[in-house]
Amino acid sequence: MRHHIRGVFILIWGSLIACTHIKPQIVNEQAPKVNLWEQRLAVGSYSDAHWNYFGFYDRSGTFEHQYGGEYAGYFEYTFKAPPAPPASLTIRARLSAESHEKGKASEISDVTLLVNGVEMGTITVQPDDMLGKVYTWQSKEPRVMKKLSTSAQNTLRFEVKATAKNRHGICLYGDAIDGKSEGLPISISMQAR
């Protein structure tokens, strides 16, 4: 809250000699919403994984990446509880499908994101091109928010379900290794209520 004073001032030779019509006015100002809390996870820091095969690659190309194939499986990460109950949650990650045939248009994957076992939605990610694309999940779901504020340790799972229509694994891209590009670790951000 800021106080503004409006008035008419008369100045003679640079000195204030009269002041009339002073009326304080209170202006309510909304503070801009800012992230309450943010955490970044390295793509290779998963706590659990289940795939037919998986590995970590950082020898050449643009970005390091954690990959899992073939077909269905998941990578699960843990992250700390926020310092206060959140109103919204945003997860950002650079992803693609995982394929031995890079760029094959039909080899896409339906990736479901789960936070503490609650689904935040499914996004179809692009074919494997060793670059990926940044995808975003957002939620204000009360079940998700309640678990985030009451769990000391939270889980984040990127899963290609066995029942998904498109099942070609997953690549999670992290830090840049080419010295030119900007990498993106998995980003978790929450806003205050």
C-alpha atoms as a PDB file:
ATOM      1  CA  MET A   1       0.000   0.000   0.000  1.00  0.00           C
ATOM      2  CA  ARG A   2       1.399   3.394  -0.966  1.00  0.00           C
ATOM      3  CA  HIS A   3       0.170   6.864   0.112  1.00  0.00           C
ATOM      4  CA  HIS A   4       0.010   9.573  -2.523  1.00  0.00           C
ATOM      5  CA  ILE A   5      -0.517  13.248  -1.618  1.00  0.00           C
ATOM      6  CA  ARG A   6      -2.051  15.520  -4.185  1.00  0.00           C
ATOM      7  CA  GLY A   7      -1.910  19.276  -3.737  1.00  0.00           C
ATOM      8  CA  VAL A   8      -1.247  22.713  -5.134  1.00  0.00           C
ATOM      9  CA  PHE A   9       2.051  24.294  -4.117  1.00  0.00           C
ATOM     10  CA  ILE A  10       3.093  27.927  -4.605  1.00  0.00           C
ATOM     11  CA  LEU A  11       6.797  28.615  -4.948  1.00  0.00           C
ATOM     12  CA  ILE A  12       8.384  32.090  -4.716  1.00  0.00           C
ATOM     13  CA  TRP A  13      12.101  32.457  -5.285  1.00  0.00           C
ATOM     14  CA  GLY A  14      12.518  28.705  -4.813  1.00  0.00           C
ATOM     15  CA  SER A  15      10.859  28.648  -1.353  1.00  0.00           C
ATOM     16  CA  LEU A  16       7.631  26.961  -0.454  1.00  0.00           C
ATOM     17  CA  ILE A  17       5.262  29.616   0.981  1.00  0.00           C
ATOM     18  CA  ALA A  18       1.832  28.045   0.646  1.00  0.00           C
ATOM     19  CA  CYS A  19       0.322  24.652   0.342  1.00  0.00           C
ATOM     20  CA  THR A  20      -3.367  24.160  -0.334  1.00  0.00           C
ATOM     21  CA  HIS A  21      -5.757  21.389  -1.283  1.00  0.00           C
ATOM     22  CA  ILE A  22      -3.876  18.559   0.423  1.00  0.00           C
ATOM     23  CA  LYS A  23      -5.854  15.355   0.142  1.00  0.00           C
ATOM     24  CA  PRO A  24      -4.216  12.024   0.975  1.00  0.00           C
ATOM     25  CA  GLN A  25      -5.151   9.255  -1.417  1.00  0.00           C
ATOM     26  CA  ILE A  26      -4.580   5.589  -0.636  1.00  0.00           C
ATOM     27  CA  VAL A  27      -3.783   3.461  -3.644  1.00  0.00           C
ATOM     28  CA  ASN A  28      -4.015  -0.318  -3.361  1.00  0.00           C
ATOM     29  CA  GLU A  29      -1.325  -1.980  -5.408  1.00  0.00           C
ATOM     30  CA  GLN A  30      -1.139  -5.692  -6.113  1.00  0.00           C
ATOM     31  CA  ALA A  31       2.359  -7.065  -5.846  1.00  0.00           C
ATOM     32  CA  PRO A  32       3.301  -9.054  -8.957  1.00  0.00           C
ATOM     33  CA  LYS A  33       3.137 -12.821  -8.511  1.00  0.00           C
ATOM     34  CA  VAL A  34       6.594 -14.250  -8.126  1.00  0.00           C
ATOM     35  CA  ASN A  35       7.807 -17.798  -7.846  1.00  0.00           C
ATOM     36  CA  LEU A  36       7.660 -18.890  -4.269  1.00  0.00           C
ATOM     37  CA  TRP A  37      10.135 -21.667  -4.828  1.00  0.00           C
ATOM     38  CA  GLU A  38      12.142 -23.252  -7.633  1.00  0.00           C
ATOM     39  CA  GLN A  39      14.294 -26.343  -7.851  1.00  0.00           C
ATOM     40  CA  ARG A  40      16.267 -27.751 -10.773  1.00  0.00           C
ATOM     41  CA  LEU A  41      17.100 -31.409 -11.189  1.00  0.00           C
ATOM     42  CA  ALA A  42      19.935 -32.836 -13.250  1.00  0.00           C
ATOM     43  CA  VAL A  43      18.541 -35.325 -15.770  1.00  0.00           C
ATOM     44  CA  GLY A  44      20.925 -38.029 -14.534  1.00  0.00           C
ATOM     45  CA  SER A  45      19.833 -37.666 -10.882  1.00  0.00           C
ATOM     46  CA  TYR A  46      16.817 -39.994 -11.059  1.00  0.00           C
ATOM     47  CA  SER A  47      15.999 -42.069  -7.972  1.00  0.00           C
ATOM     48  CA  ASP A  48      14.229 -44.910  -9.795  1.00  0.00           C
ATOM     49  CA  ALA A  49      13.906 -46.127 -13.384  1.00  0.00           C
ATOM     50  CA  HIS A  50      12.343 -48.995 -15.265  1.00  0.00           C
ATOM     51  CA  TRP A  51      13.035 -49.569 -18.990  1.00  0.00           C
ATOM     52  CA  ASN A  52      14.150 -52.401 -21.275  1.00  0.00           C
ATOM     53  CA  TYR A  53      17.365 -50.395 -21.621  1.00  0.00           C
ATOM     54  CA  PHE A  54      18.497 -46.970 -20.427  1.00  0.00           C
ATOM     55  CA  GLY A  55      21.619 -44.881 -20.130  1.00  0.00           C
ATOM     56  CA  PHE A  56      23.229 -41.467 -20.004  1.00  0.00           C
ATOM     57  CA  TYR A  57      24.925 -39.820 -22.992  1.00  0.00           C
ATOM     58  CA  ASP A  58      27.246 -36.801 -22.921  1.00  0.00           C
ATOM     59  CA  ARG A  59      30.031 -37.535 -25.428  1.00  0.00           C
ATOM     60  CA  SER A  60      28.904 -35.455 -28.412  1.00  0.00           C
ATOM     61  CA  GLY A  61      25.990 -33.457 -29.754  1.00  0.00           C
ATOM     62  CA  THR A  62      24.287 -30.431 -28.213  1.00  0.00           C
ATOM     63  CA  PHE A  63      22.879 -31.629 -24.873  1.00  0.00           C
ATOM     64  CA  GLU A  64      23.613 -34.378 -22.398  1.00  0.00           C
ATOM     65  CA  HIS A  65      20.639 -36.697 -22.119  1.00  0.00           C
ATOM     66  CA  GLN A  66      19.200 -39.474 -20.033  1.00  0.00           C
ATOM     67  CA  TYR A  67      17.429 -41.963 -22.266  1.00  0.00           C
ATOM     68  CA  GLY A  68      15.120 -44.916 -21.730  1.00  0.00           C
ATOM     69  CA  GLY A  69      13.608 -47.301 -24.255  1.00  0.00           C
ATOM     70  CA  GLU A  70      12.227 -49.185 -25.737  1.00  0.00           C
ATOM     71  CA  TYR A  71       8.492 -48.761 -25.619  1.00  0.00           C
ATOM     72  CA  ALA A  72       7.192 -48.172 -22.064  1.00  0.00           C
ATOM     73  CA  GLY A  73       8.870 -47.274 -18.756  1.00  0.00           C
ATOM     74  CA  TYR A  74       9.673 -44.347 -16.470  1.00  0.00           C
ATOM     75  CA  PHE A  75      12.266 -42.136 -14.790  1.00  0.00           C
ATOM     76  CA  GLU A  76      11.413 -40.971 -11.279  1.00  0.00           C
ATOM     77  CA  TYR A  77      13.060 -38.089  -9.409  1.00  0.00           C
ATOM     78  CA  THR A  78      12.729 -36.807  -5.855  1.00  0.00           C
ATOM     79  CA  PHE A  79      12.551 -33.178  -4.796  1.00  0.00           C
ATOM     80  CA  LYS A  80      12.152 -31.255  -1.550  1.00  0.00           C
ATOM     81  CA  ALA A  81       8.904 -29.884  -0.179  1.00  0.00           C
ATOM     82  CA  PRO A  82       8.239 -26.177  -0.759  1.00  0.00           C
ATOM     83  CA  PRO A  83       8.666 -23.805   2.208  1.00  0.00           C
ATOM     84  CA  ALA A  84       4.950 -22.861   2.139  1.00  0.00           C
ATOM     85  CA  PRO A  85       1.754 -24.320   0.656  1.00  0.00           C
ATOM     86  CA  PRO A  86       1.714 -23.610  -3.098  1.00  0.00           C
ATOM     87  CA  ALA A  87      -1.197 -22.453  -5.272  1.00  0.00           C
ATOM     88  CA  SER A  88       0.247 -23.706  -8.553  1.00  0.00           C
ATOM     89  CA  LEU A  89       2.972 -25.955  -9.887  1.00  0.00           C
ATOM     90  CA  THR A  90       4.875 -25.728 -13.176  1.00  0.00           C
ATOM     91  CA  ILE A  91       7.235 -28.415 -14.505  1.00  0.00           C
ATOM     92  CA  ARG A  92       9.433 -27.736 -17.547  1.00  0.00           C
ATOM     93  CA  ALA A  93      11.711 -30.228 -19.272  1.00  0.00           C
ATOM     94  CA  ARG A  94      13.380 -30.701 -22.654  1.00  0.00           C
ATOM     95  CA  LEU A  95      12.180 -34.044 -24.076  1.00  0.00           C
ATOM     96  CA  SER A  96      11.924 -36.280 -27.096  1.00  0.00           C
ATOM     97  CA  ALA A  97      11.140 -39.912 -27.767  1.00  0.00           C
ATOM     98  CA  GLU A  98      14.056 -42.390 -27.735  1.00  0.00           C
ATOM     99  CA  SER A  99      14.787 -44.169 -30.990  1.00  0.00           C
ATOM    100  CA  HIS A 100      17.607 -45.934 -32.789  1.00  0.00           C
ATOM    101  CA  GLU A 101      16.314 -44.325 -35.998  1.00  0.00           C
ATOM    102  CA  LYS A 102      16.786 -40.610 -35.256  1.00  0.00           C
ATOM    103  CA  GLY A 103      14.083 -38.294 -36.592  1.00  0.00           C
ATOM    104  CA  LYS A 104      11.674 -41.012 -37.763  1.00  0.00           C
ATOM    105  CA  ALA A 105       8.357 -39.094 -37.712  1.00  0.00           C
ATOM    106  CA  SER A 106       6.225 -42.019 -36.523  1.00  0.00           C
ATOM    107  CA  GLU A 107       8.369 -42.677 -33.438  1.00  0.00           C
ATOM    108  CA  ILE A 108       6.761 -40.313 -30.934  1.00  0.00           C
ATOM    109  CA  SER A 109       5.880 -40.946 -27.292  1.00  0.00           C
ATOM    110  CA  ASP A 110       2.987 -40.078 -24.993  1.00  0.00           C
ATOM    111  CA  VAL A 111       4.692 -38.925 -21.782  1.00  0.00           C
ATOM    112  CA  THR A 112       2.606 -38.759 -18.604  1.00  0.00           C
ATOM    113  CA  LEU A 113       3.862 -36.640 -15.719  1.00  0.00           C
ATOM    114  CA  LEU A 114       3.006 -37.741 -12.175  1.00  0.00           C
ATOM    115  CA  VAL A 115       3.705 -35.789  -8.985  1.00  0.00           C
ATOM    116  CA  ASN A 116       3.463 -37.891  -5.823  1.00  0.00           C
ATOM    117  CA  GLY A 117       1.515 -40.462  -7.834  1.00  0.00           C
ATOM    118  CA  VAL A 118      -1.082 -37.944  -9.098  1.00  0.00           C
ATOM    119  CA  GLU A 119      -1.230 -37.432 -12.872  1.00  0.00           C
ATOM    120  CA  MET A 120      -0.629 -33.888 -14.153  1.00  0.00           C
ATOM    121  CA  GLY A 121      -1.356 -34.763 -17.761  1.00  0.00           C
ATOM    122  CA  THR A 122       0.032 -36.477 -20.849  1.00  0.00           C
ATOM    123  CA  ILE A 123       1.911 -34.757 -23.676  1.00  0.00           C
ATOM    124  CA  THR A 124       2.930 -36.344 -26.985  1.00  0.00           C
ATOM    125  CA  VAL A 125       6.621 -35.575 -27.474  1.00  0.00           C
ATOM    126  CA  GLN A 126       8.489 -35.292 -30.749  1.00  0.00           C
ATOM    127  CA  PRO A 127      10.675 -37.961 -32.373  1.00  0.00           C
ATOM    128  CA  ASP A 128      14.286 -38.371 -31.232  1.00  0.00           C
ATOM    129  CA  ASP A 129      16.515 -35.725 -32.840  1.00  0.00           C
ATOM    130  CA  MET A 130      19.140 -35.469 -30.049  1.00  0.00           C
ATOM    131  CA  LEU A 131      17.897 -31.909 -29.351  1.00  0.00           C
ATOM    132  CA  GLY A 132      14.407 -32.317 -27.938  1.00  0.00           C
ATOM    133  CA  LYS A 133      11.887 -29.577 -27.307  1.00  0.00           C
ATOM    134  CA  VAL A 134      10.857 -27.837 -24.070  1.00  0.00           C
ATOM    135  CA  TYR A 135       7.489 -29.069 -22.764  1.00  0.00           C
ATOM    136  CA  THR A 136       5.537 -27.588 -19.857  1.00  0.00           C
ATOM    137  CA  TRP A 137       3.028 -29.088 -17.430  1.00  0.00           C
ATOM    138  CA  GLN A 138       1.036 -26.785 -15.129  1.00  0.00           C
ATOM    139  CA  SER A 139      -1.401 -27.608 -12.352  1.00  0.00           C
ATOM    140  CA  LYS A 140      -3.563 -25.999  -9.688  1.00  0.00           C
ATOM    141  CA  GLU A 141      -5.158 -29.367  -8.899  1.00  0.00           C
ATOM    142  CA  PRO A 142      -6.011 -29.405  -5.156  1.00  0.00           C
ATOM    143  CA  ARG A 143      -4.886 -33.043  -4.755  1.00  0.00           C
ATOM    144  CA  VAL A 144      -1.459 -32.186  -6.172  1.00  0.00           C
ATOM    145  CA  MET A 145      -1.111 -29.010  -4.072  1.00  0.00           C
ATOM    146  CA  LYS A 146      -2.144 -30.758  -0.839  1.00  0.00           C
ATOM    147  CA  LYS A 147       0.400 -33.553  -1.249  1.00  0.00           C
ATOM    148  CA  LEU A 148       3.156 -31.078  -2.114  1.00  0.00           C
ATOM    149  CA  SER A 149       2.644 -29.140   1.093  1.00  0.00           C
ATOM    150  CA  THR A 150       2.391 -32.170   3.379  1.00  0.00           C
ATOM    151  CA  SER A 151       5.139 -34.446   1.992  1.00  0.00           C
ATOM    152  CA  ALA A 152       8.708 -34.004   3.210  1.00  0.00           C
ATOM    153  CA  GLN A 153       9.988 -35.717   0.067  1.00  0.00           C
ATOM    154  CA  ASN A 154       8.134 -35.473  -3.235  1.00  0.00           C
ATOM    155  CA  THR A 155       8.342 -37.599  -6.382  1.00  0.00           C
ATOM    156  CA  LEU A 156       8.241 -36.540 -10.013  1.00  0.00           C
ATOM    157  CA  ARG A 157       7.796 -39.256 -12.638  1.00  0.00           C
ATOM    158  CA  PHE A 158       8.085 -39.043 -16.435  1.00  0.00           C
ATOM    159  CA  GLU A 159       6.337 -42.162 -17.711  1.00  0.00           C
ATOM    160  CA  VAL A 160       5.485 -43.754 -21.023  1.00  0.00           C
ATOM    161  CA  LYS A 161       2.672 -46.105 -19.986  1.00  0.00           C
ATOM    162  CA  ALA A 162       2.308 -49.612 -21.358  1.00  0.00           C
ATOM    163  CA  THR A 163      -1.236 -48.601 -22.388  1.00  0.00           C
ATOM    164  CA  ALA A 164      -0.140 -45.404 -24.208  1.00  0.00           C
ATOM    165  CA  LYS A 165      -0.939 -45.141 -27.927  1.00  0.00           C
ATOM    166  CA  ASN A 166       2.596 -43.909 -28.753  1.00  0.00           C
ATOM    167  CA  ARG A 167       5.344 -45.843 -26.940  1.00  0.00           C
ATOM    168  CA  HIS A 168       8.879 -45.087 -28.127  1.00  0.00           C
ATOM    169  CA  GLY A 169      10.723 -44.395 -24.876  1.00  0.00           C
ATOM    170  CA  ILE A 170      11.970 -41.033 -23.694  1.00  0.00           C
ATOM    171  CA  CYS A 171      15.023 -38.752 -23.729  1.00  0.00           C
ATOM    172  CA  LEU A 172      15.384 -36.086 -21.034  1.00  0.00           C
ATOM    173  CA  TYR A 173      17.888 -33.427 -22.118  1.00  0.00           C
ATOM    174  CA  GLY A 174      19.941 -31.450 -19.612  1.00  0.00           C
ATOM    175  CA  ASP A 175      23.055 -29.299 -19.717  1.00  0.00           C
ATOM    176  CA  ALA A 176      24.568 -28.200 -23.012  1.00  0.00           C
ATOM    177  CA  ILE A 177      27.796 -29.951 -23.987  1.00  0.00           C
ATOM    178  CA  ASP A 178      28.543 -28.042 -27.202  1.00  0.00           C
ATOM    179  CA  GLY A 179      29.702 -24.863 -25.436  1.00  0.00           C
ATOM    180  CA  LYS A 180      27.176 -22.731 -27.342  1.00  0.00           C
ATOM    181  CA  SER A 181      23.630 -23.764 -26.445  1.00  0.00           C
ATOM    182  CA  GLU A 182      21.662 -23.163 -23.271  1.00  0.00           C
ATOM    183  CA  GLY A 183      20.682 -26.345 -21.489  1.00  0.00           C
ATOM    184  CA  LEU A 184      17.646 -26.847 -19.295  1.00  0.00           C
ATOM    185  CA  PRO A 185      17.712 -29.124 -16.272  1.00  0.00           C
ATOM    186  CA  ILE A 186      14.275 -30.313 -15.163  1.00  0.00           C
ATOM    187  CA  SER A 187      12.662 -27.190 -13.671  1.00  0.00           C
ATOM    188  CA  ILE A 188      10.091 -27.287 -10.847  1.00  0.00           C
ATOM    189  CA  SER A 189       8.524 -23.988  -9.806  1.00  0.00           C
ATOM    190  CA  MET A 190       5.665 -23.187  -7.451  1.00  0.00           C
ATOM    191  CA  GLN A 191       3.782 -19.997  -6.698  1.00  0.00           C
ATOM    192  CA  ALA A 192       2.451 -18.943  -3.330  1.00  0.00           C
ATOM    193  CA  ARG A 193      -1.238 -18.952  -2.487  1.00  0.00           C
END
